[in-house]
Amino acid sequence: MEIVIKDPSNDVELRLGVEPEDYNGEQCLRIVYPNKDSFVMVQKNGDWEVVDEEFINPELIEVIGKALQPKASYNSLS
């Protein structure tokens, strides 16, 4: 699936790929940038967290989480 967000750091539209993934036994989502860089997010207690990177801008995680919320609920990933 794909989501479209606005990068909070520069207000540029980003099209991100979203792929389900198992990460250490947890159902997660791999977020893939257009340049193919990626990171993994998991939803815990209603909040999205990055689990495989040292630092991703928290504002970006919040925007991605909001874009994922309806999709995750629909797909029973929440």
Protein backbone atom coordinates (compact mmCIF):
# COMPACT_ATOMS: atom_id res chain seq x y z
CA MET A 1 0.00 0.00 0.00
CA GLU A 2 1.05 3.62 -0.35
CA ILE A 3 0.40 6.68 1.79
CA VAL A 4 0.87 10.31 0.85
CA ILE A 5 1.95 12.75 3.55
CA LYS A 6 3.50 16.19 3.84
CA ASP A 7 6.98 16.16 5.36
CA PRO A 8 6.68 18.37 8.47
CA SER A 9 10.25 19.66 8.07
CA ASN A 10 9.71 21.22 4.62
CA ASP A 11 6.02 20.71 3.69
CA VAL A 12 6.97 18.62 0.63
CA GLU A 13 4.57 15.86 -0.39
CA LEU A 14 6.01 12.37 0.13
CA ARG A 15 4.69 9.10 -1.29
CA LEU A 16 5.72 6.32 1.06
CA GLY A 17 5.36 2.60 0.57
CA VAL A 18 3.95 0.62 3.49
CA GLU A 19 4.64 -3.11 3.76
CA PRO A 20 3.57 -5.46 6.58
CA GLU A 21 6.51 -7.10 8.32
CA ASP A 22 7.25 -9.33 11.29
CA TYR A 23 9.86 -7.76 13.56
CA ASN A 24 10.98 -9.94 16.46
CA GLY A 25 7.55 -11.58 16.60
CA GLU A 26 5.57 -8.32 16.42
CA GLN A 27 3.34 -7.28 13.52
CA CYS A 28 4.95 -4.09 12.19
CA LEU A 29 4.94 -1.91 9.11
CA ARG A 30 7.99 -1.12 6.99
CA ILE A 31 7.87 2.46 5.73
CA VAL A 32 9.73 2.84 2.42
CA TYR A 33 10.89 6.20 1.05
CA PRO A 34 10.94 6.81 -2.73
CA ASN A 35 14.75 6.34 -2.67
CA LYS A 36 14.18 2.87 -1.11
CA ASP A 37 15.53 3.80 2.35
CA SER A 38 13.19 2.41 4.98
CA PHE A 39 12.43 1.92 8.66
CA VAL A 40 10.05 -0.23 10.70
CA MET A 41 7.21 1.05 12.90
CA VAL A 42 5.05 -0.78 15.43
CA GLN A 43 1.87 0.40 17.11
CA LYS A 44 1.99 0.11 20.91
CA ASN A 45 -0.84 1.34 23.13
CA GLY A 46 -2.22 3.39 20.25
CA ASP A 47 1.08 5.15 19.49
CA TRP A 48 3.41 4.42 16.58
CA GLU A 49 7.07 3.84 17.42
CA VAL A 50 10.14 3.28 15.26
CA VAL A 51 11.84 0.03 16.24
CA ASP A 52 14.88 -0.30 14.00
CA GLU A 53 16.49 3.14 13.67
CA GLU A 54 18.37 5.38 16.05
CA PHE A 55 16.45 8.55 15.21
CA ILE A 56 13.56 9.50 12.95
CA ASN A 57 12.00 12.96 13.33
CA PRO A 58 9.15 12.53 15.88
CA GLU A 59 6.98 14.97 13.90
CA LEU A 60 7.37 12.75 10.83
CA ILE A 61 6.40 9.67 12.86
CA GLU A 62 3.29 11.49 14.08
CA VAL A 63 2.24 12.44 10.53
CA ILE A 64 2.84 8.89 9.28
CA GLY A 65 0.93 7.46 12.26
CA LYS A 66 -2.07 9.66 11.50
CA ALA A 67 -2.00 8.58 7.85
CA LEU A 68 -1.77 4.91 8.89
CA GLN A 69 -4.50 5.00 11.53
CA PRO A 70 -7.53 4.50 9.24
CA LYS A 71 -5.66 1.93 7.14
CA ALA A 72 -4.35 -0.02 10.14
CA SER A 73 -7.79 -0.13 11.72
CA TYR A 74 -9.32 -1.33 8.48
CA ASN A 75 -6.65 -3.98 8.05
CA SER A 76 -6.85 -5.12 11.71
CA LEU A 77 -3.25 -4.05 12.37
CA SER A 78 -4.09 -1.89 15.36
